[in-house]
């Protein structure tokens, strides 16, 4: 219900682009987002984490 409400607000405010991030193996999330109109894309998101905290 919350995601549907967000999409409704997007439409009311004429939002032209919205992203959600989830892992492809999170089937429940993928099903939820596609059910309200989100579509998969080919964006690559890369993340780097330091191996040791900065001192």
PDB file of N, CA and C in Angstrom:
ATOM      1  N   UNK A   1       0.815  -1.186   0.000  1.00  0.00           N
ATOM      2  CA  UNK A   1       0.000   0.000   0.000  1.00  0.00           C
ATOM      3  C   UNK A   1       0.873   1.270   0.000  1.00  0.00           C
ATOM      4  N   UNK A   2       1.975   1.246   0.728  1.00  0.00           N
ATOM      5  CA  UNK A   2       2.869   2.402   0.783  1.00  0.00           C
ATOM      6  C   UNK A   2       3.488   2.698  -0.584  1.00  0.00           C
ATOM      7  N   UNK A   3       3.903   1.664  -1.300  1.00  0.00           N
ATOM      8  CA  UNK A   3       4.510   1.869  -2.619  1.00  0.00           C
ATOM      9  C   UNK A   3       3.468   2.403  -3.601  1.00  0.00           C
ATOM     10  N   UNK A   4       2.265   1.874  -3.548  1.00  0.00           N
ATOM     11  CA  UNK A   4       1.200   2.380  -4.423  1.00  0.00           C
ATOM     12  C   UNK A   4       0.917   3.856  -4.129  1.00  0.00           C
ATOM     13  N   UNK A   5       0.918   4.231  -2.867  1.00  0.00           N
ATOM     14  CA  UNK A   5       0.703   5.630  -2.484  1.00  0.00           C
ATOM     15  C   UNK A   5       1.835   6.510  -3.017  1.00  0.00           C
ATOM     16  N   UNK A   6       3.061   6.024  -2.919  1.00  0.00           N
ATOM     17  CA  UNK A   6       4.200   6.793  -3.431  1.00  0.00           C
ATOM     18  C   UNK A   6       4.067   7.013  -4.937  1.00  0.00           C
ATOM     19  N   UNK A   7       3.687   5.986  -5.663  1.00  0.00           N
ATOM     20  CA  UNK A   7       3.525   6.110  -7.113  1.00  0.00           C
ATOM     21  C   UNK A   7       2.403   7.101  -7.436  1.00  0.00           C
ATOM     22  N   UNK A   8       1.351   7.081  -6.647  1.00  0.00           N
ATOM     23  CA  UNK A   8       0.260   8.037  -6.848  1.00  0.00           C
ATOM     24  C   UNK A   8       0.756   9.469  -6.646  1.00  0.00           C
ATOM     25  N   UNK A   9       1.550   9.690  -5.606  1.00  0.00           N
ATOM     26  CA  UNK A   9       2.117  11.018  -5.350  1.00  0.00           C
ATOM     27  C   UNK A   9       3.053  11.418  -6.495  1.00  0.00           C
ATOM     28  N   UNK A  10       3.849  10.479  -6.997  1.00  0.00           N
ATOM     29  CA  UNK A  10       4.717  10.769  -8.141  1.00  0.00           C
ATOM     30  C   UNK A  10       3.880  11.286  -9.311  1.00  0.00           C
ATOM     31  N   UNK A  11       2.793  10.583  -9.605  1.00  0.00           N
ATOM     32  CA  UNK A  11       1.947  10.964 -10.736  1.00  0.00           C
ATOM     33  C   UNK A  11       1.316  12.333 -10.512  1.00  0.00           C
ATOM     34  N   UNK A  12       0.827  12.584  -9.301  1.00  0.00           N
ATOM     35  CA  UNK A  12       0.202  13.875  -8.991  1.00  0.00           C
ATOM     36  C   UNK A  12       1.166  15.040  -9.166  1.00  0.00           C
ATOM     37  N   UNK A  13       2.420  14.804  -8.820  1.00  0.00           N
ATOM     38  CA  UNK A  13       3.433  15.861  -8.881  1.00  0.00           C
ATOM     39  C   UNK A  13       4.237  15.819 -10.178  1.00  0.00           C
ATOM     40  N   UNK A  14       3.794  15.002 -11.103  1.00  0.00           N
ATOM     41  CA  UNK A  14       4.421  14.872 -12.419  1.00  0.00           C
ATOM     42  C   UNK A  14       5.915  14.540 -12.340  1.00  0.00           C
ATOM     43  N   UNK A  15       6.249  13.674 -11.412  1.00  0.00           N
ATOM     44  CA  UNK A  15       7.628  13.184 -11.314  1.00  0.00           C
ATOM     45  C   UNK A  15       7.929  12.416 -12.598  1.00  0.00           C
ATOM     46  N   UNK A  16       9.085  12.683 -13.194  1.00  0.00           N
ATOM     47  CA  UNK A  16       9.411  12.057 -14.476  1.00  0.00           C
ATOM     48  C   UNK A  16      10.338  10.851 -14.351  1.00  0.00           C
ATOM     49  N   UNK A  17      10.917  10.638 -13.172  1.00  0.00           N
ATOM     50  CA  UNK A  17      11.837   9.524 -12.998  1.00  0.00           C
ATOM     51  C   UNK A  17      11.904   9.158 -11.524  1.00  0.00           C
ATOM     52  N   UNK A  18      11.826   7.886 -11.225  1.00  0.00           N
ATOM     53  CA  UNK A  18      11.979   7.404  -9.858  1.00  0.00           C
ATOM     54  C   UNK A  18      12.733   6.079  -9.906  1.00  0.00           C
ATOM     55  N   UNK A  19      13.623   5.871  -8.957  1.00  0.00           N
ATOM     56  CA  UNK A  19      14.400   4.637  -8.878  1.00  0.00           C
ATOM     57  C   UNK A  19      14.126   3.931  -7.554  1.00  0.00           C
ATOM     58  N   UNK A  20      14.166   2.635  -7.588  1.00  0.00           N
ATOM     59  CA  UNK A  20      14.258   1.813  -6.382  1.00  0.00           C
ATOM     60  C   UNK A  20      15.394   0.828  -6.626  1.00  0.00           C
ATOM     61  N   UNK A  21      16.105   0.505  -5.606  1.00  0.00           N
ATOM     62  CA  UNK A  21      17.185  -0.464  -5.727  1.00  0.00           C
ATOM     63  C   UNK A  21      16.836  -1.701  -4.922  1.00  0.00           C
ATOM     64  N   UNK A  22      16.988  -2.845  -5.555  1.00  0.00           N
ATOM     65  CA  UNK A  22      16.843  -4.127  -4.881  1.00  0.00           C
ATOM     66  C   UNK A  22      17.684  -5.149  -5.622  1.00  0.00           C
ATOM     67  N   UNK A  23      17.967  -6.216  -4.968  1.00  0.00           N
ATOM     68  CA  UNK A  23      18.736  -7.278  -5.625  1.00  0.00           C
ATOM     69  C   UNK A  23      17.816  -8.083  -6.523  1.00  0.00           C
ATOM     70  N   UNK A  24      18.316  -8.535  -7.664  1.00  0.00           N
ATOM     71  CA  UNK A  24      17.479  -9.304  -8.592  1.00  0.00           C
ATOM     72  C   UNK A  24      16.924 -10.594  -7.974  1.00  0.00           C
ATOM     73  N   UNK A  25      17.635 -11.148  -6.984  1.00  0.00           N
ATOM     74  CA  UNK A  25      17.157 -12.382  -6.360  1.00  0.00           C
ATOM     75  C   UNK A  25      16.124 -12.136  -5.262  1.00  0.00           C
ATOM     76  N   UNK A  26      15.799 -10.867  -5.007  1.00  0.00           N
ATOM     77  CA  UNK A  26      14.753 -10.526  -4.039  1.00  0.00           C
ATOM     78  C   UNK A  26      13.415 -10.544  -4.793  1.00  0.00           C
ATOM     79  N   UNK A  27      12.906 -11.739  -5.010  1.00  0.00           N
ATOM     80  CA  UNK A  27      11.740 -11.926  -5.870  1.00  0.00           C
ATOM     81  C   UNK A  27      10.512 -11.166  -5.379  1.00  0.00           C
ATOM     82  N   UNK A  28      10.306 -11.104  -4.076  1.00  0.00           N
ATOM     83  CA  UNK A  28       9.133 -10.399  -3.539  1.00  0.00           C
ATOM     84  C   UNK A  28       9.208  -8.915  -3.872  1.00  0.00           C
ATOM     85  N   UNK A  29      10.382  -8.300  -3.712  1.00  0.00           N
ATOM     86  CA  UNK A  29      10.533  -6.880  -4.008  1.00  0.00           C
ATOM     87  C   UNK A  29      10.380  -6.619  -5.503  1.00  0.00           C
ATOM     88  N   UNK A  30      10.987  -7.462  -6.324  1.00  0.00           N
ATOM     89  CA  UNK A  30      10.874  -7.292  -7.775  1.00  0.00           C
ATOM     90  C   UNK A  30       9.407  -7.380  -8.193  1.00  0.00           C
ATOM     91  N   UNK A  31       8.682  -8.337  -7.652  1.00  0.00           N
ATOM     92  CA  UNK A  31       7.258  -8.496  -7.971  1.00  0.00           C
ATOM     93  C   UNK A  31       6.464  -7.272  -7.525  1.00  0.00           C
ATOM     94  N   UNK A  32       6.743  -6.772  -6.329  1.00  0.00           N
ATOM     95  CA  UNK A  32       6.041  -5.592  -5.813  1.00  0.00           C
ATOM     96  C   UNK A  32       6.271  -4.387  -6.720  1.00  0.00           C
ATOM     97  N   UNK A  33       7.525  -4.089  -7.009  1.00  0.00           N
ATOM     98  CA  UNK A  33       7.831  -2.889  -7.799  1.00  0.00           C
ATOM     99  C   UNK A  33       7.303  -2.994  -9.230  1.00  0.00           C
ATOM    100  N   UNK A  34       7.395  -4.172  -9.839  1.00  0.00           N
ATOM    101  CA  UNK A  34       6.869  -4.294 -11.197  1.00  0.00           C
ATOM    102  C   UNK A  34       5.343  -4.199 -11.204  1.00  0.00           C
ATOM    103  N   UNK A  35       4.700  -4.604 -10.114  1.00  0.00           N
ATOM    104  CA  UNK A  35       3.241  -4.547 -10.064  1.00  0.00           C
ATOM    105  C   UNK A  35       2.703  -3.119 -10.056  1.00  0.00           C
ATOM    106  N   UNK A  36       3.539  -2.150  -9.685  1.00  0.00           N
ATOM    107  CA  UNK A  36       3.096  -0.748  -9.677  1.00  0.00           C
ATOM    108  C   UNK A  36       3.724   0.058 -10.807  1.00  0.00           C
ATOM    109  N   UNK A  37       4.403  -0.631 -11.737  1.00  0.00           N
ATOM    110  CA  UNK A  37       4.871   0.056 -12.929  1.00  0.00           C
ATOM    111  C   UNK A  37       6.361   0.262 -13.070  1.00  0.00           C
ATOM    112  N   UNK A  38       7.154  -0.111 -12.073  1.00  0.00           N
ATOM    113  CA  UNK A  38       8.609  -0.003 -12.230  1.00  0.00           C
ATOM    114  C   UNK A  38       9.074  -1.075 -13.204  1.00  0.00           C
ATOM    115  N   UNK A  39      10.130  -0.770 -13.950  1.00  0.00           N
ATOM    116  CA  UNK A  39      10.683  -1.709 -14.913  1.00  0.00           C
ATOM    117  C   UNK A  39      12.173  -1.883 -14.652  1.00  0.00           C
ATOM    118  N   UNK A  40      12.688  -3.088 -14.831  1.00  0.00           N
ATOM    119  CA  UNK A  40      14.129  -3.293 -14.660  1.00  0.00           C
ATOM    120  C   UNK A  40      14.916  -2.479 -15.684  1.00  0.00           C
ATOM    121  N   UNK A  41      16.117  -2.070 -15.306  1.00  0.00           N
ATOM    122  CA  UNK A  41      17.003  -1.417 -16.271  1.00  0.00           C
ATOM    123  C   UNK A  41      18.377  -2.061 -16.185  1.00  0.00           C
ATOM    124  N   UNK A  42      19.278  -1.599 -17.000  1.00  0.00           N
ATOM    125  CA  UNK A  42      20.610  -2.212 -17.060  1.00  0.00           C
ATOM    126  C   UNK A  42      21.649  -1.372 -16.336  1.00  0.00           C
ATOM    127  N   UNK A  43      21.248  -0.578 -15.368  1.00  0.00           N
ATOM    128  CA  UNK A  43      22.179   0.277 -14.646  1.00  0.00           C
ATOM    129  C   UNK A  43      23.132  -0.574 -13.811  1.00  0.00           C
ATOM    130  N   UNK A  44      24.382  -0.201 -13.838  1.00  0.00           N
ATOM    131  CA  UNK A  44      25.388  -0.863 -13.024  1.00  0.00           C
ATOM    132  C   UNK A  44      25.722   0.039 -11.850  1.00  0.00           C
ATOM    133  N   UNK A  45      25.532  -0.459 -10.660  1.00  0.00           N
ATOM    134  CA  UNK A  45      25.879   0.296  -9.460  1.00  0.00           C
ATOM    135  C   UNK A  45      27.064  -0.405  -8.819  1.00  0.00           C
ATOM    136  N   UNK A  46      28.159   0.324  -8.672  1.00  0.00           N
ATOM    137  CA  UNK A  46      29.370  -0.254  -8.095  1.00  0.00           C
ATOM    138  C   UNK A  46      29.620   0.388  -6.745  1.00  0.00           C
ATOM    139  N   UNK A  47      30.018  -0.411  -5.788  1.00  0.00           N
ATOM    140  CA  UNK A  47      30.255   0.069  -4.429  1.00  0.00           C
ATOM    141  C   UNK A  47      31.629  -0.399  -3.971  1.00  0.00           C
ATOM    142  N   UNK A  48      32.347   0.486  -3.321  1.00  0.00           N
ATOM    143  CA  UNK A  48      33.656   0.137  -2.748  1.00  0.00           C
ATOM    144  C   UNK A  48      33.581   0.347  -1.246  1.00  0.00           C
ATOM    145  N   UNK A  49      34.015  -0.620  -0.511  1.00  0.00           N
ATOM    146  CA  UNK A  49      34.098  -0.524   0.946  1.00  0.00           C
ATOM    147  C   UNK A  49      35.548  -0.675   1.353  1.00  0.00           C
ATOM    148  N   UNK A  50      36.065   0.225   2.196  1.00  0.00           N
ATOM    149  CA  UNK A  50      37.453   0.079   2.640  1.00  0.00           C
ATOM    150  C   UNK A  50      37.622  -1.173   3.497  1.00  0.00           C
ATOM    151  N   UNK A  51      38.796  -1.754   3.442  1.00  0.00           N
ATOM    152  CA  UNK A  51      39.054  -2.935   4.238  1.00  0.00           C
ATOM    153  C   UNK A  51      39.384  -2.585   5.676  1.00  0.00           C
ATOM    154  N   UNK A  52      39.874  -1.374   5.898  1.00  0.00           N
ATOM    155  CA  UNK A  52      40.191  -0.913   7.250  1.00  0.00           C
ATOM    156  C   UNK A  52      39.590   0.478   7.442  1.00  0.00           C
ATOM    157  N   UNK A  53      39.106   0.773   8.655  1.00  0.00           N
ATOM    158  CA  UNK A  53      38.595   2.121   8.894  1.00  0.00           C
ATOM    159  C   UNK A  53      39.708   3.161   8.740  1.00  0.00           C
ATOM    160  N   UNK A  54      39.358   4.327   8.232  1.00  0.00           N
ATOM    161  CA  UNK A  54      40.337   5.417   8.125  1.00  0.00           C
ATOM    162  C   UNK A  54      40.696   5.918   9.506  1.00  0.00           C
ATOM    163  N   UNK A  55      41.964   6.133   9.718  1.00  0.00           N
ATOM    164  CA  UNK A  55      42.422   6.631  11.037  1.00  0.00           C
ATOM    165  C   UNK A  55      42.584   8.115  11.029  1.00  0.00           C
TER     166      UNK A  55
END
